[in-house]
Amino acid sequence: MANNSKTTDSAAADGAGENTQAMRQLIMHAQYIKDLSFENPNAPNVLTENTAQPDVEIGVNVGAKMIGEDQFEVLLNLTAKAKADDTALFLVDLTYAGLVSAPNTPENELNPLIMIEAPRLLFPFARAIVSDMTRDGGFMPLNIQPVDFVAVYQHNLARQQEEAQAGEVH
């Protein structure tokens, strides 16, 4: 799915400083399903029996790797596990990816731009895939609530720092 979406964010609060401050720009060159799995392990029983309100556990993770000189592959991983009582209803695992670049972005702003804004652009498409997949699996469509990618980014940074400190101790 080719897509040349662009998002820009001026560093200046008003238009006066635009010439002196660089425009941050994120270009989405392509987006695609990298990995997709749906399991309905207890079908057809769970589809024919009245079950309790399902308990759904959602997981969100973001990763990125450099592709070539100036492009990144951003990976948005969404997982969902639904259970009613102790019976598994479905398991979803989607890795949705995008190829992005951020020309003229200062090095110190590149990581947050890639790890926050790119997943923000990918999320609506990944959310629709999960919704369609659960519906096509015989369940009510699972509509994942919007994700705070700033919090995901901060959580991942904290986890990396903890792992680095744990590595220094041993």
N, C-alpha and C. Protein backbone atom coordinates (compact mmCIF):
# COMPACT_ATOMS: atom_id res chain seq x y z
N MET A 1 0.85 -1.16 0.00
CA MET A 1 0.00 0.00 0.00
C MET A 1 0.89 1.22 0.00
N ALA A 2 1.09 1.87 -1.12
CA ALA A 2 1.91 3.06 -1.19
C ALA A 2 1.14 4.23 -0.65
N ASN A 3 1.84 5.05 0.10
CA ASN A 3 1.20 6.18 0.73
C ASN A 3 2.27 7.21 1.00
N ASN A 4 2.12 8.38 0.47
CA ASN A 4 3.11 9.42 0.70
C ASN A 4 2.56 10.48 1.63
N SER A 5 2.08 10.07 2.80
CA SER A 5 1.57 11.00 3.80
C SER A 5 2.72 11.80 4.36
N LYS A 6 2.44 13.03 4.69
CA LYS A 6 3.43 13.88 5.32
C LYS A 6 2.80 14.52 6.55
N THR A 7 3.58 14.64 7.60
CA THR A 7 3.15 15.41 8.75
C THR A 7 4.27 16.38 9.07
N THR A 8 3.89 17.61 9.34
CA THR A 8 4.89 18.61 9.66
C THR A 8 4.54 19.27 10.98
N ASP A 9 5.56 19.76 11.64
CA ASP A 9 5.37 20.41 12.92
C ASP A 9 6.40 21.52 13.00
N SER A 10 5.96 22.75 12.99
CA SER A 10 6.89 23.86 13.05
C SER A 10 7.40 24.01 14.46
N ALA A 11 8.68 24.22 14.60
CA ALA A 11 9.27 24.40 15.91
C ALA A 11 8.94 25.78 16.46
N ALA A 12 8.57 26.70 15.61
CA ALA A 12 8.24 28.05 16.05
C ALA A 12 6.78 28.14 16.45
N ALA A 13 6.51 28.91 17.48
CA ALA A 13 5.13 29.06 17.94
C ALA A 13 4.32 29.91 16.97
N ASP A 14 4.98 30.84 16.31
CA ASP A 14 4.30 31.64 15.29
C ASP A 14 5.10 31.58 14.00
N GLY A 15 4.60 32.16 12.95
CA GLY A 15 5.24 32.08 11.65
C GLY A 15 6.54 32.85 11.55
N ALA A 16 6.85 33.73 12.49
CA ALA A 16 8.02 34.59 12.39
C ALA A 16 9.34 33.82 12.44
N GLY A 17 9.40 32.72 13.19
CA GLY A 17 10.65 32.01 13.35
C GLY A 17 10.86 30.88 12.38
N GLU A 18 10.00 30.73 11.38
CA GLU A 18 10.09 29.58 10.48
C GLU A 18 11.39 29.53 9.70
N ASN A 19 11.95 30.69 9.33
CA ASN A 19 13.17 30.68 8.54
C ASN A 19 14.38 30.24 9.37
N THR A 20 14.36 30.51 10.68
CA THR A 20 15.52 30.18 11.49
C THR A 20 15.42 28.80 12.12
N GLN A 21 14.22 28.27 12.22
CA GLN A 21 14.06 26.95 12.83
C GLN A 21 13.60 25.96 11.76
N ALA A 22 14.20 24.78 11.79
CA ALA A 22 13.90 23.75 10.78
C ALA A 22 12.48 23.22 10.95
N MET A 23 11.87 22.88 9.83
CA MET A 23 10.57 22.22 9.85
C MET A 23 10.82 20.73 10.01
N ARG A 24 10.14 20.14 11.00
CA ARG A 24 10.22 18.68 11.13
C ARG A 24 9.20 18.09 10.17
N GLN A 25 9.62 17.10 9.45
CA GLN A 25 8.74 16.49 8.45
C GLN A 25 8.94 14.99 8.49
N LEU A 26 7.81 14.27 8.50
CA LEU A 26 7.84 12.82 8.47
C LEU A 26 7.10 12.39 7.22
N ILE A 27 7.78 11.63 6.37
CA ILE A 27 7.19 11.17 5.12
C ILE A 27 6.95 9.66 5.22
N MET A 28 5.71 9.25 4.99
CA MET A 28 5.34 7.84 4.99
C MET A 28 5.39 7.37 3.55
N HIS A 29 6.38 6.54 3.22
CA HIS A 29 6.55 6.07 1.85
C HIS A 29 5.68 4.86 1.53
N ALA A 30 5.48 3.98 2.53
CA ALA A 30 4.67 2.78 2.32
C ALA A 30 4.24 2.27 3.69
N GLN A 31 3.14 1.54 3.70
CA GLN A 31 2.71 0.85 4.91
C GLN A 31 2.16 -0.51 4.51
N TYR A 32 2.35 -1.50 5.42
CA TYR A 32 2.03 -2.87 5.04
C TYR A 32 1.93 -3.75 6.27
N ILE A 33 1.27 -4.90 6.10
CA ILE A 33 1.21 -5.91 7.14
C ILE A 33 2.51 -6.70 7.07
N LYS A 34 3.24 -6.72 8.16
CA LYS A 34 4.50 -7.48 8.24
C LYS A 34 4.22 -8.88 8.77
N ASP A 35 3.32 -8.99 9.76
CA ASP A 35 2.99 -10.29 10.34
C ASP A 35 1.56 -10.21 10.87
N LEU A 36 0.80 -11.28 10.66
CA LEU A 36 -0.60 -11.28 11.05
C LEU A 36 -1.00 -12.68 11.49
N SER A 37 -1.62 -12.75 12.68
CA SER A 37 -2.07 -14.04 13.19
C SER A 37 -3.39 -13.86 13.92
N PHE A 38 -4.33 -14.75 13.64
CA PHE A 38 -5.61 -14.78 14.35
C PHE A 38 -5.88 -16.23 14.72
N GLU A 39 -6.13 -16.45 15.99
CA GLU A 39 -6.45 -17.80 16.45
C GLU A 39 -7.81 -17.79 17.12
N ASN A 40 -8.61 -18.79 16.79
CA ASN A 40 -9.92 -19.00 17.36
C ASN A 40 -9.90 -20.43 17.91
N PRO A 41 -9.16 -20.65 19.02
CA PRO A 41 -8.81 -22.01 19.44
C PRO A 41 -9.99 -22.88 19.91
N ASN A 42 -11.07 -22.28 20.34
CA ASN A 42 -12.18 -23.06 20.87
C ASN A 42 -13.43 -22.99 20.02
N ALA A 43 -13.26 -22.67 18.74
CA ALA A 43 -14.39 -22.67 17.82
C ALA A 43 -14.73 -24.12 17.49
N PRO A 44 -15.94 -24.46 17.25
CA PRO A 44 -17.11 -23.60 17.18
C PRO A 44 -17.83 -23.41 18.52
N ASN A 45 -17.36 -24.09 19.59
CA ASN A 45 -18.08 -24.03 20.86
C ASN A 45 -18.30 -22.60 21.36
N VAL A 46 -17.25 -21.76 21.30
CA VAL A 46 -17.40 -20.40 21.84
C VAL A 46 -18.33 -19.55 20.99
N LEU A 47 -18.58 -19.98 19.76
CA LEU A 47 -19.48 -19.22 18.89
C LEU A 47 -20.93 -19.62 19.06
N THR A 48 -21.17 -20.80 19.64
CA THR A 48 -22.55 -21.28 19.77
C THR A 48 -23.07 -21.21 21.20
N GLU A 49 -22.18 -21.11 22.18
CA GLU A 49 -22.60 -21.07 23.57
C GLU A 49 -22.70 -19.63 24.04
N ASN A 50 -23.60 -19.39 24.98
CA ASN A 50 -23.65 -18.08 25.62
C ASN A 50 -22.49 -18.01 26.60
N THR A 51 -21.59 -17.08 26.37
CA THR A 51 -20.45 -16.93 27.26
C THR A 51 -20.57 -15.62 28.01
N ALA A 52 -19.82 -15.52 29.08
CA ALA A 52 -19.81 -14.29 29.87
C ALA A 52 -19.15 -13.17 29.05
N GLN A 53 -19.28 -11.96 29.56
CA GLN A 53 -18.63 -10.81 28.92
C GLN A 53 -17.13 -11.10 28.84
N PRO A 54 -16.55 -10.99 27.66
CA PRO A 54 -15.13 -11.33 27.52
C PRO A 54 -14.22 -10.31 28.22
N ASP A 55 -13.10 -10.81 28.69
CA ASP A 55 -12.04 -9.98 29.24
C ASP A 55 -10.98 -9.90 28.15
N VAL A 56 -10.71 -8.68 27.67
CA VAL A 56 -9.77 -8.51 26.56
C VAL A 56 -8.53 -7.78 27.06
N GLU A 57 -7.38 -8.39 26.80
CA GLU A 57 -6.10 -7.80 27.16
C GLU A 57 -5.43 -7.31 25.88
N ILE A 58 -5.10 -6.02 25.84
CA ILE A 58 -4.50 -5.40 24.67
C ILE A 58 -3.02 -5.10 24.95
N GLY A 59 -2.16 -5.37 24.00
CA GLY A 59 -0.75 -5.02 24.10
C GLY A 59 -0.34 -4.17 22.91
N VAL A 60 0.49 -3.16 23.19
CA VAL A 60 0.97 -2.26 22.14
C VAL A 60 2.48 -2.12 22.30
N ASN A 61 3.20 -2.27 21.19
CA ASN A 61 4.64 -2.05 21.23
C ASN A 61 5.07 -1.42 19.90
N VAL A 62 6.14 -0.67 19.98
CA VAL A 62 6.66 0.05 18.81
C VAL A 62 8.15 -0.23 18.70
N GLY A 63 8.60 -0.45 17.49
CA GLY A 63 10.02 -0.62 17.23
C GLY A 63 10.37 0.02 15.89
N ALA A 64 11.63 0.22 15.67
CA ALA A 64 12.07 0.80 14.38
C ALA A 64 13.49 0.34 14.09
N LYS A 65 13.78 0.23 12.81
CA LYS A 65 15.16 -0.05 12.41
C LYS A 65 15.46 0.75 11.15
N MET A 66 16.72 1.09 11.02
CA MET A 66 17.15 1.90 9.89
C MET A 66 17.23 1.02 8.64
N ILE A 67 16.69 1.53 7.56
CA ILE A 67 16.73 0.86 6.26
C ILE A 67 17.45 1.82 5.32
N GLY A 68 18.61 1.45 4.90
CA GLY A 68 19.36 2.35 4.03
C GLY A 68 19.89 3.54 4.82
N GLU A 69 20.15 4.63 4.09
CA GLU A 69 20.76 5.80 4.69
C GLU A 69 19.78 6.69 5.44
N ASP A 70 18.58 6.85 4.91
CA ASP A 70 17.68 7.84 5.50
C ASP A 70 16.25 7.36 5.70
N GLN A 71 16.01 6.05 5.58
CA GLN A 71 14.67 5.52 5.79
C GLN A 71 14.65 4.59 7.00
N PHE A 72 13.48 4.52 7.61
CA PHE A 72 13.28 3.65 8.77
C PHE A 72 12.07 2.77 8.52
N GLU A 73 12.16 1.54 8.98
CA GLU A 73 10.99 0.67 9.03
C GLU A 73 10.48 0.77 10.46
N VAL A 74 9.25 1.29 10.61
CA VAL A 74 8.63 1.43 11.92
C VAL A 74 7.64 0.28 12.07
N LEU A 75 7.74 -0.44 13.19
CA LEU A 75 6.90 -1.61 13.44
C LEU A 75 5.95 -1.31 14.60
N LEU A 76 4.66 -1.39 14.33
CA LEU A 76 3.63 -1.23 15.35
C LEU A 76 3.04 -2.60 15.60
N ASN A 77 3.23 -3.12 16.81
CA ASN A 77 2.72 -4.46 17.15
C ASN A 77 1.52 -4.31 18.08
N LEU A 78 0.37 -4.85 17.64
CA LEU A 78 -0.85 -4.88 18.44
C LEU A 78 -1.19 -6.33 18.74
N THR A 79 -1.43 -6.63 20.01
CA THR A 79 -1.86 -7.97 20.39
C THR A 79 -3.16 -7.84 21.17
N ALA A 80 -4.01 -8.84 21.06
CA ALA A 80 -5.25 -8.88 21.82
C ALA A 80 -5.55 -10.33 22.18
N LYS A 81 -5.86 -10.54 23.45
CA LYS A 81 -6.24 -11.86 23.94
C LYS A 81 -7.58 -11.71 24.63
N ALA A 82 -8.57 -12.46 24.17
CA ALA A 82 -9.90 -12.40 24.78
C ALA A 82 -10.22 -13.72 25.45
N LYS A 83 -10.72 -13.63 26.68
CA LYS A 83 -11.13 -14.82 27.44
C LYS A 83 -12.51 -14.55 28.04
N ALA A 84 -13.31 -15.57 28.14
CA ALA A 84 -14.56 -15.52 28.89
C ALA A 84 -14.46 -16.66 29.90
N ASP A 85 -14.62 -16.33 31.16
CA ASP A 85 -14.35 -17.27 32.24
C ASP A 85 -12.89 -17.71 32.06
N ASP A 86 -12.62 -18.97 31.89
CA ASP A 86 -11.24 -19.41 31.66
C ASP A 86 -11.04 -19.94 30.25
N THR A 87 -11.98 -19.62 29.37
CA THR A 87 -11.94 -20.12 28.00
C THR A 87 -11.40 -19.05 27.06
N ALA A 88 -10.37 -19.40 26.31
CA ALA A 88 -9.83 -18.47 25.32
C ALA A 88 -10.82 -18.32 24.17
N LEU A 89 -11.12 -17.07 23.83
CA LEU A 89 -12.01 -16.80 22.70
C LEU A 89 -11.20 -16.58 21.43
N PHE A 90 -10.29 -15.61 21.48
CA PHE A 90 -9.44 -15.37 20.31
C PHE A 90 -8.12 -14.77 20.75
N LEU A 91 -7.15 -14.90 19.86
CA LEU A 91 -5.83 -14.30 20.03
C LEU A 91 -5.47 -13.60 18.72
N VAL A 92 -5.08 -12.36 18.82
CA VAL A 92 -4.71 -11.56 17.65
C VAL A 92 -3.29 -11.08 17.84
N ASP A 93 -2.50 -11.16 16.78
CA ASP A 93 -1.14 -10.61 16.80
C ASP A 93 -0.90 -9.98 15.43
N LEU A 94 -0.76 -8.67 15.43
CA LEU A 94 -0.54 -7.92 14.18
C LEU A 94 0.70 -7.07 14.31
N THR A 95 1.59 -7.20 13.35
CA THR A 95 2.70 -6.26 13.22
C THR A 95 2.46 -5.51 11.92
N TYR A 96 2.14 -4.23 12.07
CA TYR A 96 1.87 -3.36 10.93
C TYR A 96 3.06 -2.42 10.81
N ALA A 97 3.57 -2.26 9.61
CA ALA A 97 4.81 -1.52 9.43
C ALA A 97 4.65 -0.39 8.43
N GLY A 98 5.57 0.54 8.53
CA GLY A 98 5.63 1.64 7.59
C GLY A 98 7.07 2.00 7.30
N LEU A 99 7.32 2.41 6.06
CA LEU A 99 8.63 2.93 5.68
C LEU A 99 8.54 4.44 5.72
N VAL A 100 9.37 5.05 6.55
CA VAL A 100 9.32 6.49 6.74
C VAL A 100 10.69 7.11 6.60
N SER A 101 10.68 8.40 6.30
CA SER A 101 11.91 9.18 6.36
C SER A 101 11.57 10.53 6.99
N ALA A 102 12.59 11.16 7.52
CA ALA A 102 12.42 12.45 8.18
C ALA A 102 13.55 13.37 7.75
N PRO A 103 13.44 13.89 6.51
CA PRO A 103 14.53 14.73 5.99
C PRO A 103 14.68 16.01 6.81
N ASN A 104 15.90 16.44 6.93
CA ASN A 104 16.24 17.70 7.60
C ASN A 104 15.82 17.75 9.06
N THR A 105 15.66 16.60 9.70
CA THR A 105 15.31 16.57 11.12
C THR A 105 16.60 16.49 11.92
N PRO A 106 16.77 17.38 12.89
CA PRO A 106 17.97 17.32 13.73
C PRO A 106 18.07 15.97 14.44
N GLU A 107 19.28 15.49 14.63
CA GLU A 107 19.52 14.17 15.21
C GLU A 107 18.82 13.99 16.55
N ASN A 108 18.82 15.04 17.39
CA ASN A 108 18.22 14.92 18.72
C ASN A 108 16.69 14.84 18.68
N GLU A 109 16.07 15.16 17.56
CA GLU A 109 14.61 15.10 17.43
C GLU A 109 14.16 13.89 16.61
N LEU A 110 15.10 13.16 16.01
CA LEU A 110 14.76 12.08 15.10
C LEU A 110 14.09 10.90 15.80
N ASN A 111 14.66 10.43 16.91
CA ASN A 111 14.11 9.26 17.59
C ASN A 111 12.66 9.49 18.06
N PRO A 112 12.35 10.59 18.75
CA PRO A 112 10.95 10.81 19.15
C PRO A 112 10.00 10.93 17.94
N LEU A 113 10.47 11.56 16.88
CA LEU A 113 9.62 11.72 15.69
C LEU A 113 9.29 10.36 15.08
N ILE A 114 10.32 9.50 14.95
CA ILE A 114 10.13 8.17 14.36
C ILE A 114 9.29 7.28 15.27
N MET A 115 9.52 7.35 16.58
CA MET A 115 8.89 6.42 17.52
C MET A 115 7.54 6.90 18.07
N ILE A 116 7.17 8.15 17.81
CA ILE A 116 5.87 8.65 18.28
C ILE A 116 4.96 8.99 17.11
N GLU A 117 5.44 9.81 16.20
CA GLU A 117 4.57 10.27 15.11
C GLU A 117 4.30 9.19 14.07
N ALA A 118 5.30 8.37 13.73
CA ALA A 118 5.07 7.32 12.74
C ALA A 118 4.03 6.30 13.23
N PRO A 119 4.13 5.80 14.47
CA PRO A 119 3.08 4.88 14.93
C PRO A 119 1.71 5.55 15.00
N ARG A 120 1.69 6.84 15.29
CA ARG A 120 0.43 7.58 15.33
C ARG A 120 -0.24 7.57 13.95
N LEU A 121 0.57 7.65 12.90
CA LEU A 121 0.03 7.58 11.53
C LEU A 121 -0.40 6.17 11.15
N LEU A 122 0.31 5.16 11.65
CA LEU A 122 0.01 3.77 11.31
C LEU A 122 -1.20 3.22 12.08
N PHE A 123 -1.43 3.73 13.27
CA PHE A 123 -2.43 3.15 14.18
C PHE A 123 -3.83 3.01 13.59
N PRO A 124 -4.40 4.02 12.95
CA PRO A 124 -5.78 3.84 12.45
C PRO A 124 -5.93 2.67 11.48
N PHE A 125 -4.92 2.42 10.67
CA PHE A 125 -4.96 1.32 9.71
C PHE A 125 -4.84 -0.03 10.43
N ALA A 126 -3.93 -0.10 11.40
CA ALA A 126 -3.76 -1.33 12.18
C ALA A 126 -5.02 -1.62 12.99
N ARG A 127 -5.61 -0.59 13.55
CA ARG A 127 -6.84 -0.74 14.33
C ARG A 127 -7.96 -1.31 13.47
N ALA A 128 -8.08 -0.83 12.25
CA ALA A 128 -9.12 -1.32 11.33
C ALA A 128 -8.89 -2.79 10.98
N ILE A 129 -7.65 -3.18 10.80
CA ILE A 129 -7.33 -4.58 10.49
C ILE A 129 -7.75 -5.48 11.64
N VAL A 130 -7.43 -5.08 12.88
CA VAL A 130 -7.80 -5.87 14.05
C VAL A 130 -9.32 -5.96 14.17
N SER A 131 -10.00 -4.87 13.94
CA SER A 131 -11.47 -4.85 14.01
C SER A 131 -12.07 -5.80 12.97
N ASP A 132 -11.59 -5.71 11.74
CA ASP A 132 -12.10 -6.60 10.67
C ASP A 132 -11.78 -8.06 10.96
N MET A 133 -10.59 -8.31 11.48
CA MET A 133 -10.16 -9.68 11.74
C MET A 133 -11.03 -10.33 12.81
N THR A 134 -11.31 -9.61 13.89
CA THR A 134 -12.14 -10.20 14.95
C THR A 134 -13.58 -10.39 14.46
N ARG A 135 -14.07 -9.46 13.67
CA ARG A 135 -15.42 -9.61 13.10
C ARG A 135 -15.47 -10.81 12.17
N ASP A 136 -14.47 -10.94 11.32
CA ASP A 136 -14.42 -12.07 10.38
C ASP A 136 -14.19 -13.39 11.10
N GLY A 137 -13.67 -13.34 12.33
CA GLY A 137 -13.46 -14.54 13.13
C GLY A 137 -14.71 -14.97 13.87
N GLY A 138 -15.82 -14.23 13.71
CA GLY A 138 -17.08 -14.62 14.32
C GLY A 138 -17.43 -13.88 15.60
N PHE A 139 -16.65 -12.86 15.95
CA PHE A 139 -16.87 -12.11 17.18
C PHE A 139 -17.30 -10.68 16.86
N MET A 140 -17.70 -9.96 17.91
CA MET A 140 -17.96 -8.53 17.73
C MET A 140 -16.64 -7.87 17.34
N PRO A 141 -16.68 -6.86 16.48
CA PRO A 141 -15.43 -6.19 16.10
C PRO A 141 -14.75 -5.59 17.34
N LEU A 142 -13.46 -5.81 17.46
CA LEU A 142 -12.69 -5.24 18.56
C LEU A 142 -12.18 -3.87 18.12
N ASN A 143 -12.68 -2.84 18.75
CA ASN A 143 -12.26 -1.47 18.45
C ASN A 143 -11.31 -1.00 19.53
N ILE A 144 -10.03 -1.01 19.23
CA ILE A 144 -9.00 -0.61 20.19
C ILE A 144 -9.07 0.90 20.38
N GLN A 145 -9.06 1.32 21.63
CA GLN A 145 -9.08 2.75 21.95
C GLN A 145 -7.79 3.41 21.48
N PRO A 146 -7.84 4.72 21.22
CA PRO A 146 -6.61 5.42 20.81
C PRO A 146 -5.47 5.21 21.83
N VAL A 147 -4.27 5.19 21.31
CA VAL A 147 -3.09 4.90 22.11
C VAL A 147 -2.28 6.18 22.30
N ASP A 148 -1.77 6.38 23.50
CA ASP A 148 -0.89 7.51 23.79
C ASP A 148 0.54 7.07 23.47
N PHE A 149 0.99 7.39 22.26
CA PHE A 149 2.31 6.92 21.84
C PHE A 149 3.45 7.64 22.54
N VAL A 150 3.18 8.80 23.13
CA VAL A 150 4.20 9.46 23.96
C VAL A 150 4.46 8.59 25.19
N ALA A 151 3.40 8.08 25.81
CA ALA A 151 3.56 7.21 26.99
C ALA A 151 4.26 5.90 26.61
N VAL A 152 3.93 5.33 25.45
CA VAL A 152 4.60 4.11 25.00
C VAL A 152 6.09 4.37 24.80
N TYR A 153 6.42 5.51 24.19
CA TYR A 153 7.82 5.90 23.97
C TYR A 153 8.56 6.05 25.29
N GLN A 154 7.93 6.75 26.25
CA GLN A 154 8.57 6.96 27.55
C GLN A 154 8.74 5.64 28.29
N HIS A 155 7.76 4.75 28.21
CA HIS A 155 7.85 3.43 28.84
C HIS A 155 9.01 2.63 28.24
N ASN A 156 9.13 2.65 26.92
CA ASN A 156 10.22 1.92 26.25
C ASN A 156 11.58 2.50 26.62
N LEU A 157 11.68 3.83 26.73
CA LEU A 157 12.94 4.45 27.15
C LEU A 157 13.31 4.02 28.57
N ALA A 158 12.33 4.04 29.47
CA ALA A 158 12.58 3.65 30.86
C ALA A 158 13.03 2.19 30.94
N ARG A 159 12.38 1.33 30.16
CA ARG A 159 12.73 -0.09 30.15
C ARG A 159 14.16 -0.29 29.62
N GLN A 160 14.53 0.46 28.58
CA GLN A 160 15.88 0.35 28.03
C GLN A 160 16.92 0.81 29.05
N GLN A 161 16.60 1.87 29.79
CA GLN A 161 17.53 2.38 30.80
C GLN A 161 17.69 1.37 31.94
N GLU A 162 16.57 0.74 32.35
CA GLU A 162 16.63 -0.28 33.40
C GLU A 162 17.48 -1.47 32.95
N GLU A 163 17.30 -1.89 31.70
CA GLU A 163 18.08 -3.02 31.17
C GLU A 163 19.55 -2.67 31.10
N ALA A 164 19.86 -1.44 30.72
CA ALA A 164 21.26 -1.01 30.64
C ALA A 164 21.88 -0.98 32.03
N GLN A 165 21.13 -0.50 33.02
CA GLN A 165 21.64 -0.45 34.39
C GLN A 165 21.80 -1.87 34.95
N ALA A 166 20.88 -2.75 34.66
CA ALA A 166 20.97 -4.14 35.12
C ALA A 166 22.19 -4.82 34.50
N GLY A 167 22.49 -4.49 33.24
CA GLY A 167 23.65 -5.06 32.56
C GLY A 167 24.95 -4.58 33.17
N GLU A 168 24.96 -3.34 33.70
CA GLU A 168 26.16 -2.80 34.31
C GLU A 168 26.43 -3.43 35.68
N VAL A 169 25.37 -3.81 36.37
CA VAL A 169 25.48 -4.37 37.72
C VAL A 169 26.10 -5.75 37.67
N HIS A 170 25.73 -6.55 36.66
CA HIS A 170 26.20 -7.95 36.59
C HIS A 170 27.57 -8.04 36.06
